[in-house]
PDB file of N, CA and C in Angstrom:
ATOM      1  N   MET A   1     -23.473  44.587  35.136  1.00  0.00           N
ATOM      2  CA  MET A   1     -23.212  45.311  33.631  1.00  0.00           C
ATOM      3  C   MET A   1     -22.796  44.242  32.929  1.00  0.00           C
ATOM      4  N   ARG A   2     -23.097  43.961  31.501  1.00  0.00           N
ATOM      5  CA  ARG A   2     -22.826  42.645  30.478  1.00  0.00           C
ATOM      6  C   ARG A   2     -21.439  43.449  29.556  1.00  0.00           C
ATOM      7  N   PRO A   3     -21.025  42.803  29.019  1.00  0.00           N
ATOM      8  CA  PRO A   3     -19.566  42.960  28.115  1.00  0.00           C
ATOM      9  C   PRO A   3     -20.420  43.079  26.924  1.00  0.00           C
ATOM     10  N   LEU A   4     -19.703  44.058  26.513  1.00  0.00           N
ATOM     11  CA  LEU A   4     -20.074  44.730  24.808  1.00  0.00           C
ATOM     12  C   LEU A   4     -19.990  43.637  24.153  1.00  0.00           C
ATOM     13  N   PHE A   5     -19.464  42.758  23.963  1.00  0.00           N
ATOM     14  CA  PHE A   5     -19.317  41.817  22.816  1.00  0.00           C
ATOM     15  C   PHE A   5     -20.239  41.013  22.868  1.00  0.00           C
ATOM     16  N   LEU A   6     -20.804  40.295  24.019  1.00  0.00           N
ATOM     17  CA  LEU A   6     -21.878  39.450  24.154  1.00  0.00           C
ATOM     18  C   LEU A   6     -23.247  39.749  24.568  1.00  0.00           C
ATOM     19  N   LYS A   7     -23.616  39.642  23.535  1.00  0.00           N
ATOM     20  CA  LYS A   7     -25.084  40.704  23.640  1.00  0.00           C
ATOM     21  C   LYS A   7     -26.413  39.751  23.799  1.00  0.00           C
ATOM     22  N   SER A   8     -26.384  38.501  23.372  1.00  0.00           N
ATOM     23  CA  SER A   8     -27.361  37.766  23.866  1.00  0.00           C
ATOM     24  C   SER A   8     -27.041  36.106  24.000  1.00  0.00           C
ATOM     25  N   PRO A   9     -28.088  35.767  24.564  1.00  0.00           N
ATOM     26  CA  PRO A   9     -27.827  34.154  25.115  1.00  0.00           C
ATOM     27  C   PRO A   9     -26.950  33.078  23.738  1.00  0.00           C
ATOM     28  N   ARG A  10     -27.386  33.584  22.775  1.00  0.00           N
ATOM     29  CA  ARG A  10     -26.727  32.494  21.379  1.00  0.00           C
ATOM     30  C   ARG A  10     -25.098  32.878  21.705  1.00  0.00           C
ATOM     31  N   GLN A  11     -24.763  33.891  21.754  1.00  0.00           N
ATOM     32  CA  GLN A  11     -23.220  34.665  21.413  1.00  0.00           C
ATOM     33  C   GLN A  11     -22.758  33.632  23.126  1.00  0.00           C
ATOM     34  N   TYR A  12     -23.094  33.728  24.267  1.00  0.00           N
ATOM     35  CA  TYR A  12     -23.035  32.828  25.258  1.00  0.00           C
ATOM     36  C   TYR A  12     -22.462  31.400  24.598  1.00  0.00           C
ATOM     37  N   VAL A  13     -23.803  30.831  24.495  1.00  0.00           N
ATOM     38  CA  VAL A  13     -23.483  29.383  23.833  1.00  0.00           C
ATOM     39  C   VAL A  13     -22.159  29.222  22.691  1.00  0.00           C
ATOM     40  N   LEU A  14     -22.089  30.142  21.853  1.00  0.00           N
ATOM     41  CA  LEU A  14     -21.394  30.219  20.944  1.00  0.00           C
ATOM     42  C   LEU A  14     -19.801  30.159  21.675  1.00  0.00           C
ATOM     43  N   ALA A  15     -19.678  31.074  22.570  1.00  0.00           N
ATOM     44  CA  ALA A  15     -18.377  31.528  23.426  1.00  0.00           C
ATOM     45  C   ALA A  15     -18.292  30.390  24.175  1.00  0.00           C
ATOM     46  N   ALA A  16     -19.109  29.930  24.516  1.00  0.00           N
ATOM     47  CA  ALA A  16     -18.722  28.334  25.724  1.00  0.00           C
ATOM     48  C   ALA A  16     -18.469  27.283  24.577  1.00  0.00           C
ATOM     49  N   VAL A  17     -19.173  27.159  23.502  1.00  0.00           N
ATOM     50  CA  VAL A  17     -18.512  26.064  22.590  1.00  0.00           C
ATOM     51  C   VAL A  17     -17.217  26.079  22.114  1.00  0.00           C
ATOM     52  N   LEU A  18     -16.723  27.467  21.886  1.00  0.00           N
ATOM     53  CA  LEU A  18     -15.233  27.523  21.349  1.00  0.00           C
ATOM     54  C   LEU A  18     -14.377  27.674  22.507  1.00  0.00           C
ATOM     55  N   LEU A  19     -14.464  27.993  23.472  1.00  0.00           N
ATOM     56  CA  LEU A  19     -13.672  27.903  24.786  1.00  0.00           C
ATOM     57  C   LEU A  19     -13.579  26.434  25.096  1.00  0.00           C
ATOM     58  N   LEU A  20     -14.753  25.338  25.148  1.00  0.00           N
ATOM     59  CA  LEU A  20     -14.728  23.970  25.051  1.00  0.00           C
ATOM     60  C   LEU A  20     -13.850  23.502  23.787  1.00  0.00           C
ATOM     61  N   ILE A  21     -13.813  23.627  22.739  1.00  0.00           N
ATOM     62  CA  ILE A  21     -12.995  23.554  21.864  1.00  0.00           C
ATOM     63  C   ILE A  21     -11.334  23.981  21.900  1.00  0.00           C
ATOM     64  N   VAL A  22     -11.233  25.023  22.372  1.00  0.00           N
ATOM     65  CA  VAL A  22      -9.656  25.485  22.681  1.00  0.00           C
ATOM     66  C   VAL A  22      -9.276  24.715  23.938  1.00  0.00           C
ATOM     67  N   LEU A  23     -10.047  24.483  24.965  1.00  0.00           N
ATOM     68  CA  LEU A  23      -9.436  23.287  25.950  1.00  0.00           C
ATOM     69  C   LEU A  23      -8.931  21.909  25.347  1.00  0.00           C
ATOM     70  N   ALA A  24      -9.933  21.316  24.290  1.00  0.00           N
ATOM     71  CA  ALA A  24      -9.914  20.119  23.929  1.00  0.00           C
ATOM     72  C   ALA A  24      -8.709  20.053  23.338  1.00  0.00           C
ATOM     73  N   VAL A  25      -8.447  20.958  22.186  1.00  0.00           N
ATOM     74  CA  VAL A  25      -7.114  21.078  21.483  1.00  0.00           C
ATOM     75  C   VAL A  25      -5.907  21.185  22.063  1.00  0.00           C
ATOM     76  N   GLY A  26      -5.849  22.135  23.349  1.00  0.00           N
ATOM     77  CA  GLY A  26      -5.010  22.289  24.075  1.00  0.00           C
ATOM     78  C   GLY A  26      -4.400  21.175  25.266  1.00  0.00           C
ATOM     79  N   GLY A  27      -5.413  20.587  25.641  1.00  0.00           N
ATOM     80  CA  GLY A  27      -5.527  19.363  26.051  1.00  0.00           C
ATOM     81  C   GLY A  27      -5.011  18.204  25.413  1.00  0.00           C
ATOM     82  N   PHE A  28      -5.196  18.049  24.161  1.00  0.00           N
ATOM     83  CA  PHE A  28      -4.695  16.896  23.278  1.00  0.00           C
ATOM     84  C   PHE A  28      -3.324  17.209  22.997  1.00  0.00           C
ATOM     85  N   ALA A  29      -2.767  18.568  22.549  1.00  0.00           N
ATOM     86  CA  ALA A  29      -1.519  19.046  22.485  1.00  0.00           C
ATOM     87  C   ALA A  29      -0.769  18.895  23.448  1.00  0.00           C
ATOM     88  N   TYR A  30      -0.712  19.089  24.845  1.00  0.00           N
ATOM     89  CA  TYR A  30      -0.128  18.626  26.424  1.00  0.00           C
ATOM     90  C   TYR A  30       0.038  17.430  26.374  1.00  0.00           C
ATOM     91  N   GLN A  31      -0.893  16.553  26.177  1.00  0.00           N
ATOM     92  CA  GLN A  31      -0.873  15.157  26.312  1.00  0.00           C
ATOM     93  C   GLN A  31      -0.108  14.312  24.802  1.00  0.00           C
ATOM     94  N   HIS A  32      -0.026  15.014  23.979  1.00  0.00           N
ATOM     95  CA  HIS A  32       0.977  14.252  22.700  1.00  0.00           C
ATOM     96  C   HIS A  32       2.011  14.876  23.178  1.00  0.00           C
ATOM     97  N   SER A  33       2.627  15.950  23.678  1.00  0.00           N
ATOM     98  CA  SER A  33       3.909  16.504  24.366  1.00  0.00           C
ATOM     99  C   SER A  33       4.486  15.570  25.038  1.00  0.00           C
ATOM    100  N   TRP A  34       3.861  15.318  26.365  1.00  0.00           N
ATOM    101  CA  TRP A  34       3.909  14.614  27.297  1.00  0.00           C
ATOM    102  C   TRP A  34       4.241  13.028  26.831  1.00  0.00           C
ATOM    103  N   GLN A  35       3.470  12.749  25.842  1.00  0.00           N
ATOM    104  CA  GLN A  35       3.729  11.102  25.894  1.00  0.00           C
ATOM    105  C   GLN A  35       5.089  11.213  24.841  1.00  0.00           C
ATOM    106  N   SER A  36       5.444  11.940  23.922  1.00  0.00           N
ATOM    107  CA  SER A  36       6.511  12.117  23.362  1.00  0.00           C
ATOM    108  C   SER A  36       8.130  11.616  23.810  1.00  0.00           C
ATOM    109  N   HIS A  37       7.930  12.226  25.309  1.00  0.00           N
ATOM    110  CA  HIS A  37       9.169  12.391  26.092  1.00  0.00           C
ATOM    111  C   HIS A  37       9.232  11.167  26.329  1.00  0.00           C
ATOM    112  N   GLU A  38       8.612  10.120  26.354  1.00  0.00           N
ATOM    113  CA  GLU A  38       8.638   8.792  26.747  1.00  0.00           C
ATOM    114  C   GLU A  38       9.754   7.933  25.991  1.00  0.00           C
ATOM    115  N   ALA A  39       9.648   8.591  24.728  1.00  0.00           N
ATOM    116  CA  ALA A  39      10.413   7.563  24.027  1.00  0.00           C
ATOM    117  C   ALA A  39      12.068   7.846  23.812  1.00  0.00           C
ATOM    118  N   VAL A  40      12.276   7.762  24.861  1.00  0.00           N
ATOM    119  CA  VAL A  40      13.227   8.047  25.461  1.00  0.00           C
ATOM    120  C   VAL A  40      13.967   6.843  26.325  1.00  0.00           C
ATOM    121  N   VAL A  41      15.521   6.466  26.015  1.00  0.00           N
ATOM    122  CA  VAL A  41      16.687   5.647  26.719  1.00  0.00           C
ATOM    123  C   VAL A  41      17.673   6.444  27.283  1.00  0.00           C
ATOM    124  N   LYS A  42      17.602   6.354  28.732  1.00  0.00           N
ATOM    125  CA  LYS A  42      18.889   6.955  29.509  1.00  0.00           C
ATOM    126  C   LYS A  42      20.035   5.926  29.887  1.00  0.00           C
ATOM    127  N   ILE A  43      21.063   6.223  29.241  1.00  0.00           N
ATOM    128  CA  ILE A  43      22.195   5.591  29.896  1.00  0.00           C
ATOM    129  C   ILE A  43      23.362   5.649  31.127  1.00  0.00           C
ATOM    130  N   ASN A  44      23.304   5.396  32.192  1.00  0.00           N
ATOM    131  CA  ASN A  44      24.147   5.926  33.264  1.00  0.00           C
ATOM    132  C   ASN A  44      25.522   4.961  33.687  1.00  0.00           C
ATOM    133  N   VAL A  45      26.078   5.614  33.860  1.00  0.00           N
ATOM    134  CA  VAL A  45      27.273   4.400  34.334  1.00  0.00           C
ATOM    135  C   VAL A  45      27.392   4.022  35.918  1.00  0.00           C
ATOM    136  N   THR A  46      27.444   2.987  36.073  1.00  0.00           N
ATOM    137  CA  THR A  46      27.396   2.699  37.595  1.00  0.00           C
ATOM    138  C   THR A  46      28.478   2.750  38.475  1.00  0.00           C
ATOM    139  N   ASN A  47      29.561   2.510  37.636  1.00  0.00           N
ATOM    140  CA  ASN A  47      30.897   2.430  38.528  1.00  0.00           C
ATOM    141  C   ASN A  47      31.618   3.877  37.953  1.00  0.00           C
ATOM    142  N   HIS A  48      32.479   4.700  38.703  1.00  0.00           N
ATOM    143  CA  HIS A  48      32.821   5.872  38.670  1.00  0.00           C
ATOM    144  C   HIS A  48      34.286   5.737  38.008  1.00  0.00           C
ATOM    145  N   GLY A  49      34.329   6.272  37.142  1.00  0.00           N
ATOM    146  CA  GLY A  49      35.878   5.990  36.638  1.00  0.00           C
ATOM    147  C   GLY A  49      35.140   4.997  35.001  1.00  0.00           C
ATOM    148  N   LEU A  50      34.531   4.723  35.381  1.00  0.00           N
ATOM    149  CA  LEU A  50      34.146   3.941  33.562  1.00  0.00           C
ATOM    150  C   LEU A  50      33.571   5.175  32.433  1.00  0.00           C
ATOM    151  N   SER A  51      33.781   4.931  31.132  1.00  0.00           N
ATOM    152  CA  SER A  51      33.484   6.013  30.625  1.00  0.00           C
ATOM    153  C   SER A  51      32.128   5.449  29.718  1.00  0.00           C
ATOM    154  N   LEU A  52      31.203   6.314  29.426  1.00  0.00           N
ATOM    155  CA  LEU A  52      29.925   5.849  28.452  1.00  0.00           C
ATOM    156  C   LEU A  52      30.186   5.117  27.762  1.00  0.00           C
ATOM    157  N   PRO A  53      29.545   4.392  27.165  1.00  0.00           N
ATOM    158  CA  PRO A  53      29.553   3.588  25.957  1.00  0.00           C
ATOM    159  C   PRO A  53      29.285   4.713  24.170  1.00  0.00           C
ATOM    160  N   ASP A  54      30.361   4.313  23.655  1.00  0.00           N
ATOM    161  CA  ASP A  54      29.989   5.450  22.262  1.00  0.00           C
ATOM    162  C   ASP A  54      28.769   5.645  21.700  1.00  0.00           C
ATOM    163  N   GLY A  55      28.736   6.374  21.180  1.00  0.00           N
ATOM    164  CA  GLY A  55      27.313   6.670  20.599  1.00  0.00           C
ATOM    165  C   GLY A  55      27.113   5.805  19.196  1.00  0.00           C
ATOM    166  N   PHE A  56      28.292   5.617  18.246  1.00  0.00           N
ATOM    167  CA  PHE A  56      28.352   5.504  17.078  1.00  0.00           C
ATOM    168  C   PHE A  56      28.138   3.925  17.420  1.00  0.00           C
ATOM    169  N   PHE A  57      28.774   3.186  18.561  1.00  0.00           N
ATOM    170  CA  PHE A  57      28.571   1.843  18.678  1.00  0.00           C
ATOM    171  C   PHE A  57      27.009   1.598  19.057  1.00  0.00           C
ATOM    172  N   LEU A  58      26.810   2.241  19.758  1.00  0.00           N
ATOM    173  CA  LEU A  58      25.104   1.893  19.926  1.00  0.00           C
ATOM    174  C   LEU A  58      24.281   2.026  18.840  1.00  0.00           C
ATOM    175  N   TYR A  59      24.567   3.089  18.104  1.00  0.00           N
ATOM    176  CA  TYR A  59      24.166   3.212  16.961  1.00  0.00           C
ATOM    177  C   TYR A  59      23.540   2.071  15.952  1.00  0.00           C
ATOM    178  N   GLN A  60      24.971   1.656  15.215  1.00  0.00           N
ATOM    179  CA  GLN A  60      25.114   0.387  14.555  1.00  0.00           C
ATOM    180  C   GLN A  60      24.538  -0.723  15.115  1.00  0.00           C
ATOM    181  N   HIS A  61      24.063  -0.928  16.440  1.00  0.00           N
ATOM    182  CA  HIS A  61      23.840  -2.462  17.131  1.00  0.00           C
ATOM    183  C   HIS A  61      22.229  -2.003  16.731  1.00  0.00           C
ATOM    184  N   LEU A  62      21.851  -0.980  17.230  1.00  0.00           N
ATOM    185  CA  LEU A  62      20.209  -0.528  17.122  1.00  0.00           C
ATOM    186  C   LEU A  62      19.769  -0.828  15.711  1.00  0.00           C
ATOM    187  N   SER A  63      20.562   0.092  14.697  1.00  0.00           N
ATOM    188  CA  SER A  63      19.942  -0.049  13.311  1.00  0.00           C
ATOM    189  C   SER A  63      20.082  -1.153  12.897  1.00  0.00           C
ATOM    190  N   ALA A  64      21.162  -2.419  13.250  1.00  0.00           N
ATOM    191  CA  ALA A  64      21.433  -3.384  12.714  1.00  0.00           C
ATOM    192  C   ALA A  64      20.507  -4.154  13.202  1.00  0.00           C
ATOM    193  N   GLU A  65      19.400  -3.775  14.575  1.00  0.00           N
ATOM    194  CA  GLU A  65      18.282  -4.687  14.668  1.00  0.00           C
ATOM    195  C   GLU A  65      16.871  -3.804  14.372  1.00  0.00           C
ATOM    196  N   GLY A  66      17.091  -3.006  13.214  1.00  0.00           N
ATOM    197  CA  GLY A  66      15.850  -2.386  12.958  1.00  0.00           C
ATOM    198  C   GLY A  66      15.445  -1.229  13.653  1.00  0.00           C
ATOM    199  N   ILE A  67      15.723  -0.610  14.498  1.00  0.00           N
ATOM    200  CA  ILE A  67      15.541   0.573  15.246  1.00  0.00           C
ATOM    201  C   ILE A  67      16.056   1.965  15.367  1.00  0.00           C
ATOM    202  N   THR A  68      15.120   2.566  14.619  1.00  0.00           N
ATOM    203  CA  THR A  68      15.565   4.083  14.575  1.00  0.00           C
ATOM    204  C   THR A  68      15.894   5.065  15.404  1.00  0.00           C
ATOM    205  N   ILE A  69      17.017   5.314  15.457  1.00  0.00           N
ATOM    206  CA  ILE A  69      17.318   6.641  16.405  1.00  0.00           C
ATOM    207  C   ILE A  69      16.903   7.772  15.986  1.00  0.00           C
ATOM    208  N   LYS A  70      16.266   8.531  16.882  1.00  0.00           N
ATOM    209  CA  LYS A  70      16.128   9.748  16.564  1.00  0.00           C
ATOM    210  C   LYS A  70      17.354  10.898  16.801  1.00  0.00           C
ATOM    211  N   SER A  71      17.988  10.637  18.040  1.00  0.00           N
ATOM    212  CA  SER A  71      19.412  11.352  18.438  1.00  0.00           C
ATOM    213  C   SER A  71      19.770  10.838  19.623  1.00  0.00           C
ATOM    214  N   ILE A  72      21.070  10.827  19.454  1.00  0.00           N
ATOM    215  CA  ILE A  72      21.779  10.677  20.663  1.00  0.00           C
ATOM    216  C   ILE A  72      22.442  11.898  21.569  1.00  0.00           C
ATOM    217  N   THR A  73      22.194  12.061  22.916  1.00  0.00           N
ATOM    218  CA  THR A  73      22.455  13.421  23.457  1.00  0.00           C
ATOM    219  C   THR A  73      23.566  12.742  24.351  1.00  0.00           C
ATOM    220  N   SER A  74      24.823  13.332  24.485  1.00  0.00           N
ATOM    221  CA  SER A  74      25.654  13.118  25.786  1.00  0.00           C
ATOM    222  C   SER A  74      25.223  13.986  26.570  1.00  0.00           C
ATOM    223  N   GLY A  75      25.143  13.797  28.133  1.00  0.00           N
ATOM    224  CA  GLY A  75      25.404  14.419  29.339  1.00  0.00           C
ATOM    225  C   GLY A  75      26.454  14.490  30.192  1.00  0.00           C
ATOM    226  N   SER A  76      26.460  15.168  31.079  1.00  0.00           N
ATOM    227  CA  SER A  76      28.031  14.866  32.134  1.00  0.00           C
ATOM    228  C   SER A  76      28.137  13.496  32.344  1.00  0.00           C
ATOM    229  N   ASP A  77      27.027  13.002  32.967  1.00  0.00           N
ATOM    230  CA  ASP A  77      27.279  11.447  33.547  1.00  0.00           C
ATOM    231  C   ASP A  77      26.091  10.360  32.869  1.00  0.00           C
ATOM    232  N   SER A  78      25.642  10.986  31.585  1.00  0.00           N
ATOM    233  CA  SER A  78      24.395   9.970  31.028  1.00  0.00           C
ATOM    234  C   SER A  78      24.638   9.841  29.286  1.00  0.00           C
ATOM    235  N   LEU A  79      24.191   9.311  29.049  1.00  0.00           N
ATOM    236  CA  LEU A  79      23.871   9.179  27.413  1.00  0.00           C
ATOM    237  C   LEU A  79      22.219   9.008  27.439  1.00  0.00           C
ATOM    238  N   ILE A  80      21.805   9.981  26.546  1.00  0.00           N
ATOM    239  CA  ILE A  80      19.959   9.868  26.369  1.00  0.00           C
ATOM    240  C   ILE A  80      20.010   9.462  24.924  1.00  0.00           C
ATOM    241  N   ILE A  81      19.071   8.411  24.570  1.00  0.00           N
ATOM    242  CA  ILE A  81      18.702   8.069  23.127  1.00  0.00           C
ATOM    243  C   ILE A  81      17.391   8.239  23.252  1.00  0.00           C
ATOM    244  N   SER A  82      16.726   9.153  22.238  1.00  0.00           N
ATOM    245  CA  SER A  82      15.882   9.682  21.910  1.00  0.00           C
ATOM    246  C   SER A  82      15.118   8.691  20.836  1.00  0.00           C
ATOM    247  N   PHE A  83      13.845   8.089  20.461  1.00  0.00           N
ATOM    248  CA  PHE A  83      13.287   7.326  19.456  1.00  0.00           C
ATOM    249  C   PHE A  83      12.031   8.190  18.977  1.00  0.00           C
ATOM    250  N   ASN A  84      11.490   7.582  18.215  1.00  0.00           N
ATOM    251  CA  ASN A  84      10.230   8.097  17.322  1.00  0.00           C
ATOM    252  C   ASN A  84       9.152   7.448  17.987  1.00  0.00           C
ATOM    253  N   SER A  85       9.373   6.464  18.945  1.00  0.00           N
ATOM    254  CA  SER A  85       7.907   5.745  19.230  1.00  0.00           C
ATOM    255  C   SER A  85       8.274   5.481  20.817  1.00  0.00           C
ATOM    256  N   ILE A  86       7.433   4.872  21.385  1.00  0.00           N
ATOM    257  CA  ILE A  86       7.750   4.026  22.328  1.00  0.00           C
ATOM    258  C   ILE A  86       8.196   2.791  22.312  1.00  0.00           C
ATOM    259  N   GLU A  87       7.413   2.188  21.289  1.00  0.00           N
ATOM    260  CA  GLU A  87       7.899   0.675  20.959  1.00  0.00           C
ATOM    261  C   GLU A  87       9.366   0.551  20.435  1.00  0.00           C
ATOM    262  N   GLU A  88       9.933   1.617  19.967  1.00  0.00           N
ATOM    263  CA  GLU A  88      11.206   1.659  19.680  1.00  0.00           C
ATOM    264  C   GLU A  88      11.857   1.773  20.725  1.00  0.00           C
ATOM    265  N   SER A  89      11.761   2.622  21.727  1.00  0.00           N
ATOM    266  CA  SER A  89      12.309   2.730  22.786  1.00  0.00           C
ATOM    267  C   SER A  89      12.763   1.445  23.681  1.00  0.00           C
ATOM    268  N   HIS A  90      11.351   0.792  23.977  1.00  0.00           N
ATOM    269  CA  HIS A  90      11.378  -0.347  24.505  1.00  0.00           C
ATOM    270  C   HIS A  90      12.248  -1.785  23.697  1.00  0.00           C
ATOM    271  N   ALA A  91      12.055  -1.616  22.942  1.00  0.00           N
ATOM    272  CA  ALA A  91      13.040  -2.750  21.734  1.00  0.00           C
ATOM    273  C   ALA A  91      14.511  -2.149  21.899  1.00  0.00           C
ATOM    274  N   ALA A  92      15.006  -1.007  22.182  1.00  0.00           N
ATOM    275  CA  ALA A  92      16.284  -0.440  21.999  1.00  0.00           C
ATOM    276  C   ALA A  92      16.739  -1.020  23.625  1.00  0.00           C
ATOM    277  N   GLU A  93      16.102  -0.852  24.535  1.00  0.00           N
ATOM    278  CA  GLU A  93      15.994  -1.064  25.848  1.00  0.00           C
ATOM    279  C   GLU A  93      16.589  -2.359  26.161  1.00  0.00           C
ATOM    280  N   LYS A  94      15.793  -3.653  25.630  1.00  0.00           N
ATOM    281  CA  LYS A  94      16.149  -4.931  25.655  1.00  0.00           C
ATOM    282  C   LYS A  94      17.871  -5.283  24.725  1.00  0.00           C
ATOM    283  N   VAL A  95      17.569  -4.614  23.752  1.00  0.00           N
ATOM    284  CA  VAL A  95      18.848  -4.745  22.831  1.00  0.00           C
ATOM    285  C   VAL A  95      19.811  -3.876  23.729  1.00  0.00           C
ATOM    286  N   LEU A  96      19.801  -3.226  24.179  1.00  0.00           N
ATOM    287  CA  LEU A  96      20.814  -2.564  24.798  1.00  0.00           C
ATOM    288  C   LEU A  96      21.508  -3.095  26.300  1.00  0.00           C
ATOM    289  N   LYS A  97      20.379  -4.014  27.158  1.00  0.00           N
ATOM    290  CA  LYS A  97      20.850  -4.679  28.438  1.00  0.00           C
ATOM    291  C   LYS A  97      21.383  -5.923  27.880  1.00  0.00           C
ATOM    292  N   ARG A  98      21.596  -6.374  26.300  1.00  0.00           N
ATOM    293  CA  ARG A  98      21.964  -7.418  25.852  1.00  0.00           C
ATOM    294  C   ARG A  98      23.316  -7.282  25.595  1.00  0.00           C
ATOM    295  N   ILE A  99      23.619  -5.981  24.963  1.00  0.00           N
ATOM    296  CA  ILE A  99      25.040  -5.529  24.321  1.00  0.00           C
ATOM    297  C   ILE A  99      25.997  -5.182  25.869  1.00  0.00           C
ATOM    298  N   LEU A 100      25.227  -4.313  26.663  1.00  0.00           N
ATOM    299  CA  LEU A 100      26.330  -3.574  27.470  1.00  0.00           C
ATOM    300  C   LEU A 100      26.256  -4.736  28.897  1.00  0.00           C
ATOM    301  N   ASP A 101      27.354  -4.256  29.432  1.00  0.00           N
ATOM    302  CA  ASP A 101      27.134  -5.114  30.543  1.00  0.00           C
ATOM    303  C   ASP A 101      26.723  -4.817  32.124  1.00  0.00           C
ATOM    304  N   ASN A 102      26.971  -5.280  33.011  1.00  0.00           N
ATOM    305  CA  ASN A 102      26.003  -4.344  34.340  1.00  0.00           C
ATOM    306  C   ASN A 102      26.672  -3.435  35.352  1.00  0.00           C
ATOM    307  N   SER A 103      27.694  -2.596  34.058  1.00  0.00           N
ATOM    308  CA  SER A 103      28.445  -1.221  34.763  1.00  0.00           C
ATOM    309  C   SER A 103      27.668  -0.330  34.151  1.00  0.00           C
ATOM    310  N   TYR A 104      26.284  -0.477  33.365  1.00  0.00           N
ATOM    311  CA  TYR A 104      25.738   0.514  33.035  1.00  0.00           C
ATOM    312  C   TYR A 104      24.180   0.497  33.471  1.00  0.00           C
ATOM    313  N   HIS A 105      23.917   1.414  33.676  1.00  0.00           N
ATOM    314  CA  HIS A 105      22.262   1.442  34.069  1.00  0.00           C
ATOM    315  C   HIS A 105      21.191   2.141  33.049  1.00  0.00           C
ATOM    316  N   ILE A 106      20.277   1.007  32.568  1.00  0.00           N
ATOM    317  CA  ILE A 106      19.666   1.492  31.386  1.00  0.00           C
ATOM    318  C   ILE A 106      17.819   1.980  32.204  1.00  0.00           C
ATOM    319  N   GLU A 107      17.695   2.720  31.824  1.00  0.00           N
ATOM    320  CA  GLU A 107      16.265   3.169  31.793  1.00  0.00           C
ATOM    321  C   GLU A 107      15.433   3.922  31.037  1.00  0.00           C
TER     322      GLU A 107
END
């Protein structure tokens, strides 16, 4: 028994092409959303009792280096800084390692 909406081989080909287009667009959207999460630097405290660095202090240093910050989010034991590009996150990681001491783990 054939479906009602597909009556000719031409319609099967058209349906297959549309399915491939939808899968390609979905794959691109998934890859794009996955890559955008990599533009993040996470700062953890390595010694208990030490507080996280001040977000405004970090913002000042990073913006002085020409690095644009998308957001700074404070967690229970970490500070997450997100950027618009992976290149900015790598540059920020270098700056943060320079201005913060070994009491902080930067990833």
